[in-house]
Structure formats: C-alpha cells, structure tokens
Amino acid sequence: MKEILICRGLTKSRGNSAALHKTSFSLFEARFTALCGAAGAGKTTLLKLIAGFLRPDEGEITICGKKQGVKTKELTGFLPDRDFLPHELKTGKIIEMYSAFFRDFDKLRAAELFSFFAIDRCKQFGALSKAQKRRTQLCLILSRNAPLILLDEPFSDEDRITREFILSQIKRLTENGSCVVASSRRADAFEDGADDYLLLQSGTVRLIDSAENIKSSTDKSIDEYFSEVVRC
C-alpha cells in the first residue's frame, strides 16, 4: 500500500507542557483510521499539525511524498473543531466557492449531502444552528476527493443513524483511495467502521494497529480494550 501520511518525531508544546511528544506513525491509502484518546490526549493538536494549521516544535510531516507546505494543502481536506466559513455567505454560494477553489470537489455529492442533512442553501451560514453549521462544513469536506481527509470529532452530538450515514461517506472516500482520519474520545463512535485505530495518551502514540488485529487478540470491546491499555 502507498503511504499517504508520515509523521516523524512530532513535538508540540502547549504552555509548560507537551501537547505532543515525539509522535511518529504512517498511514496508508484507502484506509480509515480512528484517532482515539481522552480529552487532552493531543488529538486536535495532531490534526491541526497535519493540516498545517499549527507548526511543530520538532519533527516533520510528509504527505504523498511531499514535505508539508503550500503544495500539500491542496492534498488535504480538514474539518476543524470550530467554524471556518464566512457567516455572511449563503450555503449555496459556499458550494460554488469550494467548487472553484478545489479541483477535487464534487458538487453533485455536496448537493446530495446537503439534502440528507436538510441544509437550507438559501440561508446564510451564520444564521444556521450550531449543529447545521457543523454539518455544512462536514458536507464540504466529505465532498472532496483529496488523498488525505482529516475530521475532528465528526460524530459529535449525532445520533446513530447520522453516524452510520457519515461512516458510509467515509467508506466511499476510502474506496476511492483516500486516507481518512477521524477523531473521537470514544472508540465505539466508529461503529466497527474503522480499518485501523490510533490511540493517543498524554501526547504520545500508545497503540496503532488494524481493527482486525485488535479484535482477534481480545474478546473485549474496542473501548474496553483501550481502557485496559491505558491503565497498564
């Protein structure tokens, strides 16, 4: 398999403590990796570093064989943990904006996703509810066919039916070759849909393995198994 993302020795300080400490791993094409860990484990910091929103104090990031920089931004789709769209724009105009800006953007897919979430395309983004703002931004990222897709807590506050729908869209992306990383505090949020699991603890990689290997090594649920790993 082709390596899409390589992180080597990533360290990032947060105040007097390290949000990440010498974090290293590789992720591959056509795989969905569940990024797990408790609050403060470093999940959001890691995703922001990979997306280029933050710079590491130490270490390096390679995306599709290129050192992270301006040229790798177009290879990466990122759903951050906060609003990033202009509040005055109507959501329909935002689709047009994304279509013009990203060559890998699928307008038809975006329209279908907006329809599923009942997002009003005539409404200004700032007038949407908190949940609909989040879904609007998720729809845009899921409509890209980028090699690397990063999703920070995409299942937050969603019901099971919606989580399953989001997972089906992630599967569509991986079937087209994308490497997808999605974070959550709870492993069960992924509904057994992840190919691989990456567990962060106190800013370091505590475990990275395929879902198949983890399930074959224990009769516990993924959440129970991770709790056991963290306690050891």
Protein backbone atom coordinates (compact mmCIF):
# COMPACT_ATOMS: atom_id res chain seq x y z
CA MET A 1 0.00 0.00 0.00
CA LYS A 2 1.07 3.56 -0.70
CA GLU A 3 1.99 5.72 2.28
CA ILE A 4 -0.10 8.89 2.30
CA LEU A 5 0.92 10.38 5.65
CA ILE A 6 4.21 10.06 7.51
CA CYS A 7 4.73 11.79 10.86
CA ARG A 8 8.21 11.65 12.38
CA GLY A 9 9.03 12.80 15.90
CA LEU A 10 6.28 15.41 16.18
CA THR A 11 6.54 17.53 19.30
CA LYS A 12 4.31 20.50 20.12
CA SER A 13 4.29 22.41 23.39
CA ARG A 14 1.18 23.86 24.98
CA GLY A 15 2.16 26.27 27.72
CA ASN A 16 4.56 24.49 30.04
CA SER A 17 3.52 21.02 28.93
CA ALA A 18 3.81 18.99 25.71
CA ALA A 19 0.58 18.54 23.75
CA LEU A 20 2.50 16.03 21.61
CA HIS A 21 5.84 14.39 22.34
CA LYS A 22 7.96 12.68 19.67
CA THR A 23 4.91 11.25 17.90
CA SER A 24 5.67 9.03 14.89
CA PHE A 25 3.46 6.88 12.63
CA SER A 26 2.49 6.25 9.00
CA LEU A 27 -0.95 5.95 7.39
CA PHE A 28 -1.86 4.47 4.03
CA GLU A 29 -4.17 5.00 1.07
CA ALA A 30 -7.69 3.55 1.08
CA ARG A 31 -7.72 3.16 4.88
CA PHE A 32 -9.91 4.75 7.56
CA THR A 33 -8.05 5.40 10.81
CA ALA A 34 -9.93 6.09 14.04
CA LEU A 35 -7.94 8.56 16.15
CA CYS A 36 -8.89 7.91 19.77
CA GLY A 37 -7.91 9.28 23.16
CA ALA A 38 -9.27 11.09 26.19
CA ALA A 39 -9.75 14.86 26.30
CA GLY A 40 -6.32 16.48 26.28
CA ALA A 41 -4.60 13.46 24.71
CA GLY A 42 -3.45 15.55 21.73
CA LYS A 43 -5.95 14.56 19.02
CA THR A 44 -6.90 18.06 17.89
CA THR A 45 -3.31 19.29 18.09
CA LEU A 46 -2.17 16.38 15.94
CA LEU A 47 -4.82 17.01 13.29
CA LYS A 48 -4.03 20.73 13.19
CA LEU A 49 -0.33 19.98 12.77
CA ILE A 50 -1.01 17.60 9.86
CA ALA A 51 -3.38 20.11 8.23
CA GLY A 52 -0.81 22.89 8.55
CA PHE A 53 -2.85 24.99 10.99
CA LEU A 54 -0.03 24.64 13.55
CA ARG A 55 3.72 24.19 13.21
CA PRO A 56 5.54 21.50 15.18
CA ASP A 57 8.31 22.49 17.57
CA GLU A 58 10.18 19.40 16.37
CA GLY A 59 9.66 16.69 13.77
CA GLU A 60 8.39 16.59 10.22
CA ILE A 61 5.27 15.68 8.26
CA THR A 62 5.19 14.20 4.76
CA ILE A 63 2.01 13.97 2.67
CA CYS A 64 2.03 11.95 -0.55
CA GLY A 65 5.81 12.04 -0.57
CA LYS A 66 5.97 15.83 -0.23
CA LYS A 67 7.22 17.72 2.79
CA GLN A 68 4.32 19.57 4.36
CA GLY A 69 3.89 23.06 2.97
CA VAL A 70 1.86 25.09 0.49
CA LYS A 71 1.85 22.28 -2.07
CA THR A 72 0.39 19.74 0.37
CA LYS A 73 -2.57 21.93 1.41
CA GLU A 74 -4.43 21.05 -1.79
CA LEU A 75 -3.91 17.35 -0.98
CA THR A 76 -5.64 17.64 2.39
CA GLY A 77 -9.25 18.18 3.43
CA PHE A 78 -9.67 19.23 7.07
CA LEU A 79 -12.74 19.57 9.30
CA PRO A 80 -11.55 21.56 12.34
CA ASP A 81 -13.23 21.83 15.73
CA ARG A 82 -14.65 25.30 15.06
CA ASP A 83 -16.43 27.35 12.36
CA PHE A 84 -14.24 28.28 9.41
CA LEU A 85 -16.75 29.60 6.85
CA PRO A 86 -17.80 33.25 6.30
CA HIS A 87 -21.01 33.84 8.24
CA GLU A 88 -22.43 36.26 5.65
CA LEU A 89 -22.33 33.77 2.74
CA LYS A 90 -25.33 31.66 1.79
CA THR A 91 -24.61 27.94 1.94
CA GLY A 92 -25.39 27.53 -1.77
CA LYS A 93 -22.72 30.14 -2.58
CA ILE A 94 -20.28 28.29 -0.36
CA ILE A 95 -20.68 25.20 -2.55
CA GLU A 96 -19.82 27.33 -5.59
CA MET A 97 -16.83 28.79 -3.76
CA TYR A 98 -15.48 25.34 -2.88
CA SER A 99 -16.05 24.10 -6.41
CA ALA A 100 -13.99 26.98 -7.80
CA PHE A 101 -11.22 26.59 -5.23
CA PHE A 102 -10.74 22.80 -5.09
CA ARG A 103 -10.32 20.76 -8.27
CA ASP A 104 -11.23 17.58 -6.39
CA PHE A 105 -14.56 18.97 -5.13
CA ASP A 106 -17.70 17.04 -6.19
CA LYS A 107 -20.63 19.48 -6.48
CA LEU A 108 -23.17 16.72 -7.03
CA ARG A 109 -22.02 14.90 -3.91
CA ALA A 110 -22.22 18.14 -1.92
CA ALA A 111 -25.79 18.72 -3.09
CA GLU A 112 -26.75 15.18 -2.05
CA LEU A 113 -25.17 15.62 1.39
CA PHE A 114 -26.86 18.98 1.91
CA SER A 115 -30.15 17.33 1.02
CA PHE A 116 -29.63 14.48 3.52
CA PHE A 117 -28.95 16.95 6.33
CA ALA A 118 -31.78 19.28 5.17
CA ILE A 119 -29.42 22.25 4.95
CA ASP A 120 -31.15 25.33 3.52
CA ARG A 121 -28.97 26.51 0.61
CA CYS A 122 -30.65 29.94 0.63
CA LYS A 123 -29.74 30.62 4.24
CA GLN A 124 -26.65 32.47 5.39
CA PHE A 125 -24.13 30.26 7.15
CA GLY A 126 -24.22 32.47 10.24
CA ALA A 127 -27.99 32.02 10.54
CA LEU A 128 -27.76 28.23 10.81
CA SER A 129 -27.98 26.38 14.11
CA LYS A 130 -24.75 25.17 15.70
CA ALA A 131 -25.47 21.61 14.54
CA GLN A 132 -26.25 22.68 10.96
CA LYS A 133 -23.11 24.80 10.77
CA ARG A 134 -21.08 21.78 11.77
CA ARG A 135 -22.87 19.57 9.23
CA THR A 136 -22.44 22.14 6.45
CA GLN A 137 -18.69 22.13 6.99
CA LEU A 138 -18.62 18.33 7.20
CA CYS A 139 -20.52 18.07 3.90
CA LEU A 140 -17.94 20.24 2.17
CA ILE A 141 -15.00 18.15 3.37
CA LEU A 142 -16.76 14.86 2.57
CA SER A 143 -17.35 16.19 -0.97
CA ARG A 144 -13.64 16.41 -1.69
CA ASN A 145 -11.72 13.54 -3.25
CA ALA A 146 -8.43 14.54 -1.66
CA PRO A 147 -5.74 11.95 -0.86
CA LEU A 148 -5.92 12.86 2.85
CA ILE A 149 -9.10 13.71 4.76
CA LEU A 150 -8.92 14.81 8.41
CA LEU A 151 -12.09 15.01 10.53
CA ASP A 152 -12.02 16.38 14.08
CA GLU A 153 -14.93 14.84 16.05
CA PRO A 154 -17.30 14.39 13.06
CA PHE A 155 -19.75 12.31 15.12
CA SER A 156 -20.09 14.82 17.96
CA ASP A 157 -23.71 15.06 19.21
CA GLU A 158 -25.02 12.96 16.29
CA ASP A 159 -27.50 10.11 16.63
CA ARG A 160 -26.74 6.59 15.48
CA ILE A 161 -28.48 6.91 12.10
CA THR A 162 -26.48 10.03 11.28
CA ARG A 163 -23.23 8.43 12.48
CA GLU A 164 -23.88 5.46 10.21
CA PHE A 165 -24.51 7.80 7.28
CA ILE A 166 -21.27 9.68 7.93
CA LEU A 167 -19.43 6.36 8.12
CA SER A 168 -20.91 5.35 4.76
CA GLN A 169 -19.50 8.55 3.24
CA ILE A 170 -16.10 7.86 4.78
CA LYS A 171 -16.21 4.37 3.27
CA ARG A 172 -16.97 5.91 -0.13
CA LEU A 173 -13.86 8.06 0.21
CA THR A 174 -11.60 5.15 1.16
CA GLU A 175 -13.00 3.05 -1.69
CA ASN A 176 -11.82 5.87 -3.98
CA GLY A 177 -8.35 5.69 -2.44
CA SER A 178 -8.44 8.42 0.20
CA CYS A 179 -6.73 8.06 3.55
CA VAL A 180 -9.27 9.23 6.16
CA VAL A 181 -8.54 10.09 9.80
CA ALA A 182 -11.40 10.86 12.18
CA SER A 183 -11.11 11.59 15.89
CA SER A 184 -13.34 10.74 18.83
CA ARG A 185 -12.98 10.32 22.57
CA ARG A 186 -14.83 7.02 22.31
CA ALA A 187 -13.87 4.15 20.04
CA ASP A 188 -17.45 2.91 19.87
CA ALA A 189 -18.40 6.07 17.94
CA PHE A 190 -16.93 4.40 14.86
CA GLU A 191 -19.48 1.55 14.90
CA ASP A 192 -16.84 -1.01 13.83
CA GLY A 193 -16.31 1.00 10.63
CA ALA A 194 -12.61 1.82 11.08
CA ASP A 195 -9.82 -0.12 9.37
CA ASP A 196 -7.19 1.00 11.88
CA TYR A 197 -7.05 2.52 15.34
CA LEU A 198 -4.53 5.04 16.65
CA LEU A 199 -4.70 5.63 20.41
CA LEU A 200 -3.10 8.75 21.84
CA GLN A 201 -2.32 9.10 25.53
CA SER A 202 -0.69 12.19 27.03
CA GLY A 203 0.57 13.31 23.64
CA THR A 204 2.19 10.04 22.58
CA VAL A 205 1.08 7.11 20.45
CA ARG A 206 0.11 4.37 22.88
CA LEU A 207 -1.18 1.97 20.26
CA ILE A 208 -1.60 1.80 16.49
CA ASP A 209 -2.96 -1.36 14.89
CA SER A 210 -5.56 -2.67 12.49
CA ALA A 211 -9.08 -3.29 13.73
CA GLU A 212 -8.70 -6.89 12.56
CA ASN A 213 -5.61 -7.49 14.74
CA ILE A 214 -7.19 -5.87 17.79
CA LYS A 215 -10.40 -7.87 17.51
CA SER A 216 -8.51 -11.14 17.05
CA SER A 217 -6.40 -10.51 20.16
CA THR A 218 -9.22 -9.87 22.65
CA ASP A 219 -12.84 -10.71 23.38
CA LYS A 220 -13.40 -7.22 24.81
CA SER A 221 -14.95 -4.28 23.01
CA ILE A 222 -12.54 -1.75 21.49
CA ASP A 223 -13.40 0.75 24.25
CA GLU A 224 -12.80 -1.82 26.99
CA TYR A 225 -9.54 -2.91 25.37
CA PHE A 226 -8.28 0.68 25.10
CA SER A 227 -9.20 1.34 28.74
CA GLU A 228 -7.11 -1.68 29.70
CA VAL A 229 -4.17 -0.49 27.57
CA VAL A 230 -4.28 3.00 29.14
CA ARG A 231 -4.28 1.58 32.68
CA CYS A 232 -1.22 -0.61 32.04
